[in-house]
Amino acid sequence: MLTQCSFQPQVNKNKKYENVEPLYSREEQIMDNVKLVNKKKEIKVDQQRKAEEYNEMRECTFKPKIKGEVGEEILKPKLQARVAGLDKFMQMRDKHKKLLQEKKEREEEVFGIEKKYNAVKHEGFTTPQPFKLSQVIG
């Protein structure tokens, strides 16, 4: 991509930074380098967390004696964290359902023709007869 460019700027290089290599040297490798740097950061943070956990556990002296096997549901911590806004969401959802039900009841009351219409009343119906509006002279 850069080989197609004919313009070559003259850049005054600062001697202070001439030995510093750029973190992302090539365009093609920028995303790979970013992912690599992020992965290294994650590994470093994970190692620090494990080291802190190890140091904390090293100080513990209590070692319980457990009879039999422990089920997975006991080993996994149960999440009882409250989700912010969940109660409000549930209230709004119930209110919306109630409004829809009231709307449906109102529409049935006003437009409920199937309940008001009595088919027995309208059994005898008029049969239309053909008629002529004009006469053809011919």
N, C-alpha and C. Protein backbone atom coordinates (compact mmCIF):
# COMPACT_ATOMS: atom_id res chain seq x y z
N MET A 1 0.82 -1.20 0.00
CA MET A 1 0.00 0.00 0.00
C MET A 1 0.87 1.26 0.00
N LEU A 2 1.91 1.28 0.82
CA LEU A 2 2.78 2.44 0.88
C LEU A 2 3.70 2.53 -0.33
N THR A 3 3.91 1.43 -1.03
CA THR A 3 4.79 1.45 -2.20
C THR A 3 4.17 2.21 -3.35
N GLN A 4 2.85 2.37 -3.37
CA GLN A 4 2.17 3.08 -4.44
C GLN A 4 2.25 4.59 -4.27
N CYS A 5 2.57 5.07 -3.10
CA CYS A 5 2.61 6.50 -2.83
C CYS A 5 3.92 7.09 -3.37
N SER A 6 3.81 8.21 -4.07
CA SER A 6 5.01 8.84 -4.61
C SER A 6 5.54 9.93 -3.67
N PHE A 7 4.70 10.42 -2.81
CA PHE A 7 5.12 11.48 -1.90
C PHE A 7 5.92 10.91 -0.74
N GLN A 8 7.07 11.43 -0.50
CA GLN A 8 7.92 11.02 0.62
C GLN A 8 8.24 12.26 1.45
N PRO A 9 7.61 12.44 2.62
CA PRO A 9 7.85 13.64 3.43
C PRO A 9 9.23 13.60 4.07
N GLN A 10 9.78 14.77 4.28
CA GLN A 10 11.04 14.88 5.00
C GLN A 10 10.71 15.20 6.45
N VAL A 11 11.04 14.27 7.32
CA VAL A 11 10.67 14.40 8.72
C VAL A 11 11.93 14.65 9.54
N ASN A 12 11.87 15.66 10.37
CA ASN A 12 12.98 15.94 11.27
C ASN A 12 12.87 14.97 12.44
N LYS A 13 13.81 14.08 12.55
CA LYS A 13 13.77 13.09 13.61
C LYS A 13 14.40 13.66 14.87
N ASN A 14 13.74 13.43 15.96
CA ASN A 14 14.22 13.87 17.25
C ASN A 14 15.21 12.82 17.77
N LYS A 15 16.40 13.23 18.08
CA LYS A 15 17.44 12.30 18.52
C LYS A 15 17.08 11.65 19.86
N LYS A 16 16.20 12.28 20.57
CA LYS A 16 15.79 11.75 21.88
C LYS A 16 15.11 10.40 21.73
N TYR A 17 14.35 10.21 20.63
CA TYR A 17 13.56 9.00 20.43
C TYR A 17 14.08 8.11 19.30
N GLU A 18 15.28 8.32 18.83
CA GLU A 18 15.74 7.55 17.66
C GLU A 18 15.97 6.07 17.98
N ASN A 19 16.22 5.70 19.22
CA ASN A 19 16.42 4.30 19.58
C ASN A 19 15.12 3.58 19.97
N VAL A 20 14.01 4.32 20.04
CA VAL A 20 12.74 3.73 20.45
C VAL A 20 12.06 3.13 19.22
N GLU A 21 11.70 1.86 19.33
CA GLU A 21 11.01 1.18 18.23
C GLU A 21 9.51 1.39 18.40
N PRO A 22 8.79 1.59 17.31
CA PRO A 22 7.33 1.75 17.41
C PRO A 22 6.68 0.43 17.84
N LEU A 23 5.63 0.55 18.62
CA LEU A 23 4.94 -0.64 19.10
C LEU A 23 4.24 -1.37 17.96
N TYR A 24 3.67 -0.61 17.04
CA TYR A 24 2.98 -1.18 15.88
C TYR A 24 3.74 -0.76 14.64
N SER A 25 4.64 -1.59 14.17
CA SER A 25 5.55 -1.20 13.10
C SER A 25 4.95 -1.31 11.70
N ARG A 26 4.13 -2.31 11.44
CA ARG A 26 3.59 -2.50 10.09
C ARG A 26 2.08 -2.42 10.11
N GLU A 27 1.53 -1.89 9.02
CA GLU A 27 0.07 -1.74 8.93
C GLU A 27 -0.63 -3.09 8.98
N GLU A 28 -0.08 -4.09 8.33
CA GLU A 28 -0.72 -5.39 8.25
C GLU A 28 -0.82 -6.06 9.62
N GLN A 29 0.09 -5.73 10.50
CA GLN A 29 0.16 -6.42 11.78
C GLN A 29 -0.44 -5.61 12.93
N ILE A 30 -1.05 -4.50 12.65
CA ILE A 30 -1.56 -3.64 13.72
C ILE A 30 -2.58 -4.39 14.59
N MET A 31 -3.59 -4.99 13.97
CA MET A 31 -4.62 -5.68 14.75
C MET A 31 -4.04 -6.88 15.49
N ASP A 32 -3.13 -7.60 14.84
CA ASP A 32 -2.49 -8.73 15.52
C ASP A 32 -1.70 -8.25 16.73
N ASN A 33 -1.00 -7.14 16.55
CA ASN A 33 -0.20 -6.60 17.66
C ASN A 33 -1.09 -6.11 18.80
N VAL A 34 -2.20 -5.46 18.46
CA VAL A 34 -3.13 -4.98 19.49
C VAL A 34 -3.68 -6.17 20.28
N LYS A 35 -4.09 -7.22 19.57
CA LYS A 35 -4.62 -8.41 20.24
C LYS A 35 -3.55 -9.05 21.13
N LEU A 36 -2.31 -9.09 20.63
CA LEU A 36 -1.21 -9.67 21.40
C LEU A 36 -0.95 -8.87 22.68
N VAL A 37 -0.94 -7.55 22.55
CA VAL A 37 -0.72 -6.69 23.73
C VAL A 37 -1.84 -6.89 24.75
N ASN A 38 -3.08 -6.95 24.27
CA ASN A 38 -4.22 -7.15 25.19
C ASN A 38 -4.14 -8.52 25.87
N LYS A 39 -3.75 -9.53 25.12
CA LYS A 39 -3.63 -10.87 25.68
C LYS A 39 -2.54 -10.90 26.76
N LYS A 40 -1.40 -10.22 26.50
CA LYS A 40 -0.32 -10.16 27.49
C LYS A 40 -0.80 -9.46 28.76
N LYS A 41 -1.60 -8.39 28.59
CA LYS A 41 -2.12 -7.67 29.77
C LYS A 41 -3.04 -8.58 30.58
N GLU A 42 -3.89 -9.33 29.88
CA GLU A 42 -4.81 -10.24 30.57
C GLU A 42 -4.04 -11.30 31.35
N ILE A 43 -3.01 -11.85 30.72
CA ILE A 43 -2.20 -12.88 31.37
C ILE A 43 -1.52 -12.31 32.61
N LYS A 44 -0.99 -11.10 32.50
CA LYS A 44 -0.30 -10.46 33.62
C LYS A 44 -1.26 -10.22 34.78
N VAL A 45 -2.45 -9.71 34.48
CA VAL A 45 -3.44 -9.45 35.53
C VAL A 45 -3.87 -10.77 36.17
N ASP A 46 -4.07 -11.80 35.36
CA ASP A 46 -4.47 -13.10 35.88
C ASP A 46 -3.39 -13.68 36.80
N GLN A 47 -2.13 -13.54 36.41
CA GLN A 47 -1.03 -14.04 37.24
C GLN A 47 -0.96 -13.29 38.57
N GLN A 48 -1.16 -11.97 38.53
CA GLN A 48 -1.15 -11.18 39.76
C GLN A 48 -2.29 -11.60 40.69
N ARG A 49 -3.46 -11.81 40.10
CA ARG A 49 -4.62 -12.22 40.89
C ARG A 49 -4.38 -13.58 41.54
N LYS A 50 -3.81 -14.51 40.77
CA LYS A 50 -3.53 -15.85 41.32
C LYS A 50 -2.47 -15.78 42.42
N ALA A 51 -1.46 -14.93 42.24
CA ALA A 51 -0.42 -14.79 43.25
C ALA A 51 -1.00 -14.23 44.55
N GLU A 52 -1.88 -13.22 44.45
CA GLU A 52 -2.52 -12.65 45.63
C GLU A 52 -3.39 -13.70 46.32
N GLU A 53 -4.12 -14.47 45.54
CA GLU A 53 -4.99 -15.51 46.09
C GLU A 53 -4.15 -16.58 46.79
N TYR A 54 -3.02 -16.95 46.19
CA TYR A 54 -2.14 -17.95 46.79
C TYR A 54 -1.59 -17.44 48.13
N ASN A 55 -1.13 -16.19 48.13
CA ASN A 55 -0.58 -15.62 49.37
C ASN A 55 -1.64 -15.56 50.47
N GLU A 56 -2.85 -15.25 50.09
CA GLU A 56 -3.94 -15.18 51.05
C GLU A 56 -4.28 -16.57 51.59
N MET A 57 -4.31 -17.55 50.72
CA MET A 57 -4.64 -18.91 51.13
C MET A 57 -3.50 -19.56 51.93
N ARG A 58 -2.26 -19.14 51.68
CA ARG A 58 -1.11 -19.70 52.38
C ARG A 58 -1.20 -19.41 53.88
N GLU A 59 -1.82 -18.28 54.22
CA GLU A 59 -1.95 -17.89 55.61
C GLU A 59 -3.04 -18.66 56.34
N CYS A 60 -3.93 -19.30 55.61
CA CYS A 60 -5.03 -20.05 56.23
C CYS A 60 -4.50 -21.33 56.86
N THR A 61 -4.94 -21.61 58.08
CA THR A 61 -4.49 -22.81 58.77
C THR A 61 -5.60 -23.84 58.92
N PHE A 62 -6.83 -23.43 58.77
CA PHE A 62 -7.97 -24.34 58.94
C PHE A 62 -8.12 -25.22 57.71
N LYS A 63 -8.15 -26.52 57.91
CA LYS A 63 -8.35 -27.48 56.82
C LYS A 63 -9.44 -28.44 57.27
N PRO A 64 -10.67 -28.26 56.79
CA PRO A 64 -11.78 -29.11 57.25
C PRO A 64 -11.67 -30.53 56.70
N LYS A 65 -12.18 -31.49 57.47
CA LYS A 65 -12.25 -32.87 57.02
C LYS A 65 -13.64 -33.10 56.45
N ILE A 66 -13.69 -33.49 55.19
CA ILE A 66 -14.97 -33.65 54.51
C ILE A 66 -15.21 -35.13 54.29
N LYS A 67 -16.40 -35.58 54.66
CA LYS A 67 -16.77 -36.98 54.45
C LYS A 67 -17.53 -37.08 53.12
N GLY A 68 -17.11 -37.98 52.28
CA GLY A 68 -17.81 -38.20 51.03
C GLY A 68 -17.50 -37.10 50.01
N GLU A 69 -18.25 -37.15 48.92
CA GLU A 69 -18.05 -36.19 47.84
C GLU A 69 -18.97 -34.99 48.02
N VAL A 70 -18.51 -33.87 47.55
CA VAL A 70 -19.28 -32.64 47.64
C VAL A 70 -19.88 -32.38 46.26
N GLY A 71 -21.15 -32.08 46.23
CA GLY A 71 -21.82 -31.82 44.96
C GLY A 71 -21.38 -30.51 44.33
N GLU A 72 -21.56 -30.42 43.02
CA GLU A 72 -21.14 -29.22 42.30
C GLU A 72 -21.91 -27.99 42.74
N GLU A 73 -23.18 -28.17 43.08
CA GLU A 73 -23.99 -27.01 43.47
C GLU A 73 -23.48 -26.36 44.74
N ILE A 74 -22.78 -27.12 45.56
CA ILE A 74 -22.21 -26.55 46.78
C ILE A 74 -20.91 -25.82 46.48
N LEU A 75 -20.13 -26.38 45.55
CA LEU A 75 -18.84 -25.78 45.22
C LEU A 75 -18.98 -24.47 44.46
N LYS A 76 -19.96 -24.40 43.60
CA LYS A 76 -20.15 -23.17 42.81
C LYS A 76 -20.88 -22.13 43.67
N PRO A 77 -20.38 -20.91 43.69
CA PRO A 77 -21.07 -19.88 44.47
C PRO A 77 -22.40 -19.52 43.81
N LYS A 78 -23.39 -19.35 44.64
CA LYS A 78 -24.71 -18.99 44.11
C LYS A 78 -24.78 -17.48 43.95
N LEU A 79 -25.25 -17.09 42.78
CA LEU A 79 -25.35 -15.66 42.50
C LEU A 79 -26.69 -15.14 42.98
N GLN A 80 -26.65 -14.24 43.90
CA GLN A 80 -27.87 -13.63 44.39
C GLN A 80 -27.81 -12.12 44.21
N ALA A 81 -27.00 -11.70 43.24
CA ALA A 81 -26.86 -10.27 43.00
C ALA A 81 -28.15 -9.75 42.37
N ARG A 82 -28.56 -8.61 42.82
CA ARG A 82 -29.77 -8.00 42.27
C ARG A 82 -29.40 -7.23 41.02
N VAL A 83 -30.23 -7.38 40.02
CA VAL A 83 -30.01 -6.67 38.77
C VAL A 83 -30.67 -5.30 38.91
N ALA A 84 -29.90 -4.27 38.60
CA ALA A 84 -30.42 -2.91 38.73
C ALA A 84 -31.56 -2.70 37.75
N GLY A 85 -32.68 -2.20 38.24
CA GLY A 85 -33.81 -1.88 37.38
C GLY A 85 -34.74 -3.04 37.09
N LEU A 86 -34.47 -4.21 37.62
CA LEU A 86 -35.32 -5.38 37.33
C LEU A 86 -36.72 -5.20 37.90
N ASP A 87 -36.82 -4.69 39.14
CA ASP A 87 -38.14 -4.48 39.74
C ASP A 87 -38.96 -3.48 38.93
N LYS A 88 -38.33 -2.41 38.52
CA LYS A 88 -39.03 -1.39 37.72
C LYS A 88 -39.49 -1.99 36.40
N PHE A 89 -38.63 -2.79 35.78
CA PHE A 89 -38.99 -3.43 34.52
C PHE A 89 -40.20 -4.34 34.69
N MET A 90 -40.21 -5.13 35.78
CA MET A 90 -41.33 -6.05 36.01
C MET A 90 -42.62 -5.27 36.27
N GLN A 91 -42.54 -4.17 37.01
CA GLN A 91 -43.72 -3.35 37.26
C GLN A 91 -44.26 -2.76 35.95
N MET A 92 -43.34 -2.26 35.11
CA MET A 92 -43.77 -1.66 33.85
C MET A 92 -44.38 -2.72 32.92
N ARG A 93 -43.81 -3.93 32.93
CA ARG A 93 -44.34 -5.01 32.10
C ARG A 93 -45.75 -5.38 32.56
N ASP A 94 -45.96 -5.50 33.88
CA ASP A 94 -47.29 -5.82 34.40
C ASP A 94 -48.29 -4.71 34.07
N LYS A 95 -47.85 -3.47 34.20
CA LYS A 95 -48.72 -2.34 33.88
C LYS A 95 -49.10 -2.36 32.40
N HIS A 96 -48.14 -2.69 31.54
CA HIS A 96 -48.40 -2.76 30.10
C HIS A 96 -49.42 -3.87 29.79
N LYS A 97 -49.26 -5.02 30.44
CA LYS A 97 -50.21 -6.13 30.23
C LYS A 97 -51.61 -5.72 30.67
N LYS A 98 -51.69 -5.03 31.81
CA LYS A 98 -52.98 -4.59 32.33
C LYS A 98 -53.63 -3.59 31.37
N LEU A 99 -52.84 -2.65 30.84
CA LEU A 99 -53.39 -1.68 29.89
C LEU A 99 -53.88 -2.36 28.61
N LEU A 100 -53.13 -3.34 28.12
CA LEU A 100 -53.57 -4.08 26.93
C LEU A 100 -54.86 -4.82 27.19
N GLN A 101 -55.00 -5.42 28.37
CA GLN A 101 -56.22 -6.14 28.71
C GLN A 101 -57.40 -5.17 28.79
N GLU A 102 -57.19 -4.00 29.42
CA GLU A 102 -58.26 -3.00 29.51
C GLU A 102 -58.66 -2.50 28.13
N LYS A 103 -57.68 -2.30 27.26
CA LYS A 103 -57.95 -1.84 25.90
C LYS A 103 -58.78 -2.88 25.15
N LYS A 104 -58.42 -4.15 25.31
CA LYS A 104 -59.15 -5.22 24.64
C LYS A 104 -60.59 -5.28 25.13
N GLU A 105 -60.78 -5.12 26.45
CA GLU A 105 -62.13 -5.13 27.02
C GLU A 105 -62.96 -3.96 26.51
N ARG A 106 -62.34 -2.76 26.43
CA ARG A 106 -63.05 -1.60 25.91
C ARG A 106 -63.46 -1.80 24.44
N GLU A 107 -62.52 -2.35 23.64
CA GLU A 107 -62.83 -2.58 22.23
C GLU A 107 -63.95 -3.60 22.07
N GLU A 108 -63.96 -4.64 22.90
CA GLU A 108 -65.02 -5.63 22.82
C GLU A 108 -66.36 -5.02 23.22
N GLU A 109 -66.33 -4.12 24.19
CA GLU A 109 -67.55 -3.47 24.64
C GLU A 109 -68.12 -2.55 23.55
N VAL A 110 -67.24 -1.80 22.91
CA VAL A 110 -67.69 -0.84 21.91
C VAL A 110 -67.90 -1.50 20.55
N PHE A 111 -66.95 -2.29 20.12
CA PHE A 111 -67.00 -2.86 18.78
C PHE A 111 -67.39 -4.33 18.76
N GLY A 112 -67.78 -4.89 19.87
CA GLY A 112 -68.08 -6.32 19.96
C GLY A 112 -69.35 -6.69 19.24
N ILE A 113 -69.36 -6.60 17.92
CA ILE A 113 -70.55 -6.86 17.11
C ILE A 113 -70.94 -8.33 17.22
N GLU A 114 -69.96 -9.24 17.27
CA GLU A 114 -70.28 -10.67 17.33
C GLU A 114 -71.09 -11.01 18.58
N LYS A 115 -70.94 -10.25 19.65
CA LYS A 115 -71.72 -10.51 20.86
C LYS A 115 -73.10 -9.85 20.77
N LYS A 116 -73.18 -8.70 20.10
CA LYS A 116 -74.44 -7.97 19.99
C LYS A 116 -75.31 -8.51 18.85
N TYR A 117 -74.68 -9.09 17.86
CA TYR A 117 -75.40 -9.55 16.67
C TYR A 117 -76.14 -10.84 16.97
N ASN A 118 -77.43 -10.86 16.68
CA ASN A 118 -78.24 -12.05 16.89
C ASN A 118 -78.60 -12.61 15.52
N ALA A 119 -78.04 -13.73 15.17
CA ALA A 119 -78.25 -14.31 13.85
C ALA A 119 -79.68 -14.77 13.65
N VAL A 120 -80.37 -15.16 14.72
CA VAL A 120 -81.75 -15.62 14.62
C VAL A 120 -82.66 -14.50 14.11
N LYS A 121 -82.41 -13.27 14.53
CA LYS A 121 -83.20 -12.12 14.09
C LYS A 121 -83.10 -11.92 12.58
N HIS A 122 -81.97 -12.24 12.04
CA HIS A 122 -81.69 -11.93 10.64
C HIS A 122 -81.71 -13.16 9.75
N GLU A 123 -82.46 -14.21 10.15
CA GLU A 123 -82.53 -15.39 9.31
C GLU A 123 -83.30 -15.13 8.03
N GLY A 124 -84.39 -14.46 8.12
CA GLY A 124 -85.17 -14.14 6.92
C GLY A 124 -84.55 -12.96 6.22
N PHE A 125 -84.03 -13.17 5.03
CA PHE A 125 -83.36 -12.08 4.34
C PHE A 125 -84.02 -11.83 3.00
N THR A 126 -83.80 -10.70 2.44
CA THR A 126 -84.39 -10.29 1.17
C THR A 126 -83.54 -10.84 0.04
N THR A 127 -84.21 -11.41 -0.96
CA THR A 127 -83.52 -11.91 -2.14
C THR A 127 -83.58 -10.82 -3.20
N PRO A 128 -82.45 -10.35 -3.68
CA PRO A 128 -82.47 -9.30 -4.69
C PRO A 128 -82.96 -9.84 -6.04
N GLN A 129 -83.73 -9.04 -6.73
CA GLN A 129 -84.28 -9.39 -8.05
C GLN A 129 -83.56 -8.56 -9.10
N PRO A 130 -83.32 -9.14 -10.27
CA PRO A 130 -82.68 -8.37 -11.34
C PRO A 130 -83.59 -7.23 -11.80
N PHE A 131 -83.00 -6.14 -12.20
CA PHE A 131 -83.78 -4.99 -12.67
C PHE A 131 -83.09 -4.36 -13.86
N LYS A 132 -83.83 -3.56 -14.61
CA LYS A 132 -83.31 -2.89 -15.80
C LYS A 132 -83.37 -1.37 -15.58
N LEU A 133 -82.25 -0.73 -15.82
CA LEU A 133 -82.21 0.73 -15.69
C LEU A 133 -82.61 1.39 -17.00
N SER A 134 -82.34 0.75 -18.07
CA SER A 134 -82.69 1.32 -19.37
C SER A 134 -83.07 0.20 -20.32
N GLN A 135 -83.75 0.59 -21.37
CA GLN A 135 -84.15 -0.40 -22.37
C GLN A 135 -83.26 -0.24 -23.59
N VAL A 136 -82.90 -1.36 -24.14
CA VAL A 136 -82.09 -1.36 -25.33
C VAL A 136 -83.03 -1.38 -26.54
N ILE A 137 -82.89 -0.42 -27.43
CA ILE A 137 -83.73 -0.34 -28.63
C ILE A 137 -82.93 -1.00 -29.76
N GLY A 138 -83.51 -1.90 -30.31
CA GLY A 138 -82.70 -2.52 -31.25
C GLY A 138 -83.19 -3.14 -32.40
